[in-house]
Amino acid sequence: MKMDPSWSSLPHKSYPQVLSGQICRRLKTEKVRAQRTGDVHLLKTIDAALRAIPEICTIIKEANATRVIADYEPTVLVRFDSNARFSLNEIDVSRAHGWQSRIQTLVGAVLTAWRQIDV
């Protein structure tokens, strides 16, 4: 099963459902196969992907909620602190800055597993 090209046109809020649904189910099915064949390397790779998915989902939900507030809730104030940092709806800019690099690492774990099961 290849990554479904239609997933690229989904709204951002749909990605956690796809990840925790279709993608997790496929990974878990392949994990059972890897256990049967004794493929320890593949088991570790799939386990890493399965551990990454909940964190990816959390970041996507948090980022999407923050974007919605920034775009559609002008009454929610941006708070500035004394260190020239700011936050929006309790999300500090420092945390948001880390989302991209963290997502790249986590998605890498999922893609590595997916490539190994999709042969």
N, C-alpha and C. Protein backbone atom coordinates (compact mmCIF):
# COMPACT_ATOMS: atom_id res chain seq x y z
N MET A 1 0.84 -1.18 0.00
CA MET A 1 0.00 0.00 0.00
C MET A 1 0.89 1.24 0.00
N LYS A 2 0.84 1.98 -1.06
CA LYS A 2 1.60 3.22 -1.15
C LYS A 2 0.86 4.31 -0.38
N MET A 3 1.59 5.37 -0.05
CA MET A 3 0.93 6.52 0.53
C MET A 3 -0.10 7.00 -0.48
N ASP A 4 -1.27 7.27 -0.01
CA ASP A 4 -2.37 7.67 -0.88
C ASP A 4 -2.16 9.12 -1.33
N PRO A 5 -2.03 9.36 -2.64
CA PRO A 5 -1.79 10.73 -3.12
C PRO A 5 -2.91 11.70 -2.73
N SER A 6 -4.11 11.18 -2.53
CA SER A 6 -5.22 12.07 -2.16
C SER A 6 -5.03 12.67 -0.77
N TRP A 7 -4.19 12.05 0.06
CA TRP A 7 -3.93 12.59 1.39
C TRP A 7 -3.31 13.97 1.32
N SER A 8 -2.58 14.27 0.25
CA SER A 8 -1.91 15.58 0.14
C SER A 8 -2.90 16.73 -0.01
N SER A 9 -4.12 16.44 -0.39
CA SER A 9 -5.10 17.52 -0.56
C SER A 9 -6.08 17.61 0.61
N LEU A 10 -5.86 16.82 1.64
CA LEU A 10 -6.73 16.88 2.81
C LEU A 10 -6.49 18.15 3.61
N PRO A 11 -7.52 18.64 4.31
CA PRO A 11 -7.27 19.76 5.22
C PRO A 11 -6.34 19.31 6.35
N HIS A 12 -5.56 20.23 6.87
CA HIS A 12 -4.58 19.90 7.91
C HIS A 12 -5.20 19.17 9.09
N LYS A 13 -6.40 19.54 9.46
CA LYS A 13 -7.01 18.92 10.64
C LYS A 13 -7.34 17.44 10.42
N SER A 14 -7.30 16.97 9.17
CA SER A 14 -7.59 15.56 8.87
C SER A 14 -6.38 14.65 9.05
N TYR A 15 -5.20 15.21 9.03
CA TYR A 15 -3.99 14.38 9.10
C TYR A 15 -3.88 13.53 10.36
N PRO A 16 -4.22 14.05 11.53
CA PRO A 16 -4.15 13.17 12.70
C PRO A 16 -5.05 11.94 12.57
N GLN A 17 -6.21 12.10 11.95
CA GLN A 17 -7.10 10.96 11.76
C GLN A 17 -6.50 9.93 10.81
N VAL A 18 -5.90 10.40 9.73
CA VAL A 18 -5.26 9.49 8.77
C VAL A 18 -4.09 8.77 9.43
N LEU A 19 -3.28 9.53 10.15
CA LEU A 19 -2.11 8.94 10.82
C LEU A 19 -2.51 7.90 11.84
N SER A 20 -3.43 8.25 12.72
CA SER A 20 -3.81 7.33 13.79
C SER A 20 -4.78 6.25 13.31
N GLY A 21 -5.31 6.43 12.12
CA GLY A 21 -6.22 5.45 11.54
C GLY A 21 -5.53 4.54 10.54
N GLN A 22 -5.61 4.91 9.28
CA GLN A 22 -5.10 4.08 8.19
C GLN A 22 -3.61 3.73 8.33
N ILE A 23 -2.81 4.72 8.64
CA ILE A 23 -1.36 4.48 8.68
C ILE A 23 -1.00 3.59 9.86
N CYS A 24 -1.57 3.87 11.03
CA CYS A 24 -1.29 3.01 12.20
C CYS A 24 -1.76 1.58 11.97
N ARG A 25 -2.94 1.42 11.40
CA ARG A 25 -3.45 0.06 11.14
C ARG A 25 -2.50 -0.72 10.24
N ARG A 26 -2.03 -0.06 9.18
CA ARG A 26 -1.11 -0.74 8.26
C ARG A 26 0.20 -1.10 8.96
N LEU A 27 0.73 -0.17 9.73
CA LEU A 27 1.97 -0.45 10.45
C LEU A 27 1.80 -1.60 11.45
N LYS A 28 0.68 -1.63 12.14
CA LYS A 28 0.44 -2.70 13.11
C LYS A 28 0.29 -4.05 12.41
N THR A 29 -0.35 -4.07 11.26
CA THR A 29 -0.46 -5.31 10.48
C THR A 29 0.91 -5.82 10.07
N GLU A 30 1.74 -4.89 9.61
CA GLU A 30 3.09 -5.27 9.18
C GLU A 30 3.97 -5.64 10.37
N LYS A 31 3.69 -5.07 11.52
CA LYS A 31 4.44 -5.44 12.73
C LYS A 31 4.18 -6.90 13.09
N VAL A 32 2.94 -7.33 12.97
CA VAL A 32 2.60 -8.74 13.24
C VAL A 32 3.35 -9.65 12.27
N ARG A 33 3.39 -9.25 11.00
CA ARG A 33 4.14 -10.04 10.01
C ARG A 33 5.62 -10.10 10.36
N ALA A 34 6.17 -8.97 10.76
CA ALA A 34 7.60 -8.92 11.12
C ALA A 34 7.87 -9.79 12.34
N GLN A 35 6.93 -9.83 13.28
CA GLN A 35 7.09 -10.69 14.45
C GLN A 35 7.10 -12.16 14.03
N ARG A 36 6.22 -12.51 13.12
CA ARG A 36 6.15 -13.90 12.64
C ARG A 36 7.42 -14.33 11.93
N THR A 37 8.01 -13.41 11.17
CA THR A 37 9.21 -13.75 10.42
C THR A 37 10.50 -13.51 11.21
N GLY A 38 10.36 -12.89 12.36
CA GLY A 38 11.54 -12.64 13.20
C GLY A 38 12.42 -11.49 12.70
N ASP A 39 11.83 -10.57 11.95
CA ASP A 39 12.58 -9.43 11.41
C ASP A 39 12.71 -8.35 12.50
N VAL A 40 13.76 -8.48 13.30
CA VAL A 40 13.96 -7.59 14.45
C VAL A 40 14.17 -6.15 14.01
N HIS A 41 14.92 -5.95 12.94
CA HIS A 41 15.18 -4.59 12.45
C HIS A 41 13.87 -3.91 12.04
N LEU A 42 13.04 -4.61 11.29
CA LEU A 42 11.76 -4.04 10.86
C LEU A 42 10.87 -3.77 12.07
N LEU A 43 10.87 -4.66 13.04
CA LEU A 43 10.08 -4.44 14.26
C LEU A 43 10.48 -3.14 14.94
N LYS A 44 11.78 -2.92 15.08
CA LYS A 44 12.25 -1.68 15.71
C LYS A 44 11.85 -0.46 14.91
N THR A 45 11.95 -0.57 13.60
CA THR A 45 11.59 0.55 12.72
C THR A 45 10.10 0.87 12.83
N ILE A 46 9.28 -0.16 12.82
CA ILE A 46 7.83 0.05 12.94
C ILE A 46 7.48 0.60 14.32
N ASP A 47 8.11 0.07 15.37
CA ASP A 47 7.87 0.59 16.72
C ASP A 47 8.21 2.08 16.81
N ALA A 48 9.30 2.48 16.19
CA ALA A 48 9.68 3.90 16.19
C ALA A 48 8.62 4.74 15.48
N ALA A 49 8.10 4.23 14.39
CA ALA A 49 7.05 4.94 13.65
C ALA A 49 5.77 5.03 14.48
N LEU A 50 5.41 3.94 15.12
CA LEU A 50 4.20 3.94 15.94
C LEU A 50 4.32 4.88 17.14
N ARG A 51 5.53 5.00 17.68
CA ARG A 51 5.75 5.95 18.78
C ARG A 51 5.72 7.39 18.28
N ALA A 52 6.13 7.61 17.05
CA ALA A 52 6.18 8.97 16.49
C ALA A 52 4.79 9.52 16.17
N ILE A 53 3.89 8.66 15.77
CA ILE A 53 2.58 9.12 15.29
C ILE A 53 1.80 9.94 16.32
N PRO A 54 1.68 9.51 17.57
CA PRO A 54 0.93 10.36 18.51
C PRO A 54 1.53 11.75 18.70
N GLU A 55 2.86 11.84 18.69
CA GLU A 55 3.48 13.16 18.84
C GLU A 55 3.25 14.01 17.59
N ILE A 56 3.31 13.40 16.42
CA ILE A 56 3.01 14.14 15.19
C ILE A 56 1.59 14.69 15.27
N CYS A 57 0.66 13.84 15.68
CA CYS A 57 -0.75 14.26 15.79
C CYS A 57 -0.91 15.41 16.77
N THR A 58 -0.23 15.34 17.89
CA THR A 58 -0.31 16.41 18.89
C THR A 58 0.20 17.73 18.32
N ILE A 59 1.34 17.68 17.64
CA ILE A 59 1.90 18.91 17.07
C ILE A 59 0.97 19.47 16.00
N ILE A 60 0.44 18.62 15.15
CA ILE A 60 -0.47 19.09 14.08
C ILE A 60 -1.69 19.75 14.70
N LYS A 61 -2.27 19.12 15.71
CA LYS A 61 -3.47 19.69 16.34
C LYS A 61 -3.16 21.02 17.01
N GLU A 62 -2.04 21.09 17.70
CA GLU A 62 -1.65 22.32 18.38
C GLU A 62 -1.36 23.43 17.38
N ALA A 63 -0.64 23.11 16.33
CA ALA A 63 -0.31 24.11 15.31
C ALA A 63 -1.57 24.59 14.58
N ASN A 64 -2.45 23.66 14.27
CA ASN A 64 -3.68 24.03 13.57
C ASN A 64 -4.56 24.91 14.46
N ALA A 65 -4.67 24.55 15.73
CA ALA A 65 -5.47 25.36 16.66
C ALA A 65 -4.90 26.77 16.79
N THR A 66 -3.57 26.85 16.84
CA THR A 66 -2.92 28.16 16.94
C THR A 66 -3.15 28.98 15.69
N ARG A 67 -3.04 28.34 14.54
CA ARG A 67 -3.29 29.05 13.27
C ARG A 67 -4.73 29.56 13.20
N VAL A 68 -5.67 28.73 13.60
CA VAL A 68 -7.08 29.14 13.57
C VAL A 68 -7.30 30.35 14.47
N ILE A 69 -6.70 30.32 15.66
CA ILE A 69 -6.83 31.47 16.57
C ILE A 69 -6.20 32.71 15.95
N ALA A 70 -5.00 32.56 15.41
CA ALA A 70 -4.31 33.71 14.80
C ALA A 70 -5.10 34.28 13.63
N ASP A 71 -5.72 33.42 12.85
CA ASP A 71 -6.44 33.87 11.65
C ASP A 71 -7.86 34.35 11.93
N TYR A 72 -8.55 33.72 12.88
CA TYR A 72 -9.99 33.96 13.01
C TYR A 72 -10.44 34.50 14.36
N GLU A 73 -9.53 34.64 15.29
CA GLU A 73 -9.91 35.12 16.63
C GLU A 73 -9.10 36.37 16.99
N PRO A 74 -9.42 37.50 16.39
CA PRO A 74 -8.62 38.70 16.65
C PRO A 74 -8.71 39.21 18.08
N THR A 75 -9.67 38.72 18.84
CA THR A 75 -9.79 39.18 20.23
C THR A 75 -8.81 38.48 21.17
N VAL A 76 -8.21 37.36 20.71
CA VAL A 76 -7.20 36.68 21.53
C VAL A 76 -5.90 37.45 21.38
N LEU A 77 -5.41 37.92 22.49
CA LEU A 77 -4.24 38.79 22.46
C LEU A 77 -2.93 38.02 22.39
N VAL A 78 -1.98 38.61 21.71
CA VAL A 78 -0.61 38.11 21.71
C VAL A 78 0.04 38.70 22.97
N ARG A 79 0.64 37.82 23.77
CA ARG A 79 1.30 38.28 24.99
C ARG A 79 2.80 38.37 24.77
N PHE A 80 3.36 39.51 25.15
CA PHE A 80 4.80 39.73 25.04
C PHE A 80 5.41 39.69 26.43
N ASP A 81 6.59 39.06 26.54
CA ASP A 81 7.26 39.06 27.84
C ASP A 81 8.48 39.98 27.78
N SER A 82 9.20 40.04 28.87
CA SER A 82 10.32 40.98 28.97
C SER A 82 11.54 40.57 28.15
N ASN A 83 11.57 39.36 27.63
CA ASN A 83 12.70 38.88 26.84
C ASN A 83 12.46 38.96 25.35
N ALA A 84 11.56 39.82 24.94
CA ALA A 84 11.21 39.98 23.52
C ALA A 84 10.66 38.69 22.92
N ARG A 85 10.03 37.88 23.75
CA ARG A 85 9.37 36.66 23.28
C ARG A 85 7.87 36.90 23.35
N PHE A 86 7.12 36.09 22.67
CA PHE A 86 5.67 36.26 22.72
C PHE A 86 4.99 34.90 22.67
N SER A 87 3.70 34.93 23.00
CA SER A 87 2.90 33.71 22.95
C SER A 87 1.49 34.07 22.50
N LEU A 88 0.83 33.09 21.95
CA LEU A 88 -0.55 33.23 21.51
C LEU A 88 -1.30 32.03 22.05
N ASN A 89 -2.31 32.31 22.84
CA ASN A 89 -3.14 31.24 23.41
C ASN A 89 -2.30 30.19 24.13
N GLU A 90 -1.37 30.66 24.95
CA GLU A 90 -0.51 29.81 25.77
C GLU A 90 0.55 29.03 24.97
N ILE A 91 0.68 29.30 23.69
CA ILE A 91 1.71 28.66 22.88
C ILE A 91 2.85 29.66 22.71
N ASP A 92 3.96 29.37 23.35
CA ASP A 92 5.12 30.25 23.28
C ASP A 92 5.79 30.10 21.91
N VAL A 93 6.29 31.20 21.39
CA VAL A 93 6.94 31.18 20.09
C VAL A 93 8.11 30.21 20.07
N SER A 94 8.79 30.05 21.19
CA SER A 94 9.92 29.11 21.25
C SER A 94 9.46 27.68 20.96
N ARG A 95 8.33 27.33 21.50
CA ARG A 95 7.80 25.98 21.26
C ARG A 95 7.41 25.83 19.79
N ALA A 96 6.78 26.84 19.25
CA ALA A 96 6.37 26.79 17.85
C ALA A 96 7.59 26.69 16.92
N HIS A 97 8.67 27.36 17.28
CA HIS A 97 9.88 27.30 16.46
C HIS A 97 10.40 25.87 16.35
N GLY A 98 10.20 25.06 17.35
CA GLY A 98 10.70 23.69 17.33
C GLY A 98 9.83 22.71 16.58
N TRP A 99 8.63 23.12 16.21
CA TRP A 99 7.71 22.19 15.55
C TRP A 99 8.29 21.61 14.26
N GLN A 100 8.83 22.45 13.41
CA GLN A 100 9.28 21.97 12.11
C GLN A 100 10.39 20.93 12.22
N SER A 101 11.40 21.20 13.01
CA SER A 101 12.50 20.23 13.11
C SER A 101 12.03 18.95 13.79
N ARG A 102 11.15 19.08 14.79
CA ARG A 102 10.65 17.89 15.47
C ARG A 102 9.79 17.06 14.52
N ILE A 103 8.93 17.72 13.76
CA ILE A 103 8.09 17.01 12.79
C ILE A 103 8.94 16.30 11.75
N GLN A 104 9.99 16.95 11.28
CA GLN A 104 10.85 16.32 10.27
C GLN A 104 11.45 15.02 10.82
N THR A 105 11.89 15.03 12.05
CA THR A 105 12.45 13.83 12.66
C THR A 105 11.39 12.74 12.80
N LEU A 106 10.23 13.13 13.31
CA LEU A 106 9.15 12.15 13.53
C LEU A 106 8.63 11.58 12.21
N VAL A 107 8.43 12.45 11.24
CA VAL A 107 7.95 11.99 9.93
C VAL A 107 9.00 11.08 9.29
N GLY A 108 10.26 11.38 9.51
CA GLY A 108 11.32 10.51 9.00
C GLY A 108 11.18 9.09 9.52
N ALA A 109 10.82 8.95 10.79
CA ALA A 109 10.63 7.61 11.37
C ALA A 109 9.46 6.89 10.70
N VAL A 110 8.39 7.61 10.45
CA VAL A 110 7.22 7.00 9.81
C VAL A 110 7.55 6.63 8.36
N LEU A 111 8.19 7.53 7.64
CA LEU A 111 8.52 7.25 6.24
C LEU A 111 9.52 6.10 6.10
N THR A 112 10.46 6.01 7.02
CA THR A 112 11.42 4.91 6.98
C THR A 112 10.70 3.58 7.11
N ALA A 113 9.80 3.50 8.05
CA ALA A 113 9.03 2.26 8.23
C ALA A 113 8.15 2.00 7.01
N TRP A 114 7.50 3.03 6.53
CA TRP A 114 6.57 2.86 5.40
C TRP A 114 7.31 2.36 4.17
N ARG A 115 8.49 2.92 3.92
CA ARG A 115 9.27 2.48 2.75
C ARG A 115 9.67 1.00 2.88
N GLN A 116 9.96 0.58 4.09
CA GLN A 116 10.39 -0.82 4.29
C GLN A 116 9.23 -1.80 4.16
N ILE A 117 8.04 -1.37 4.47
CA ILE A 117 6.90 -2.31 4.34
C ILE A 117 6.28 -2.22 2.96
N ASP A 118 6.58 -1.17 2.21
CA ASP A 118 5.97 -0.97 0.91
C ASP A 118 6.91 -1.39 -0.20
N VAL A 119 7.24 -2.69 -0.21
CA VAL A 119 8.13 -3.21 -1.27
C VAL A 119 7.40 -4.18 -2.16
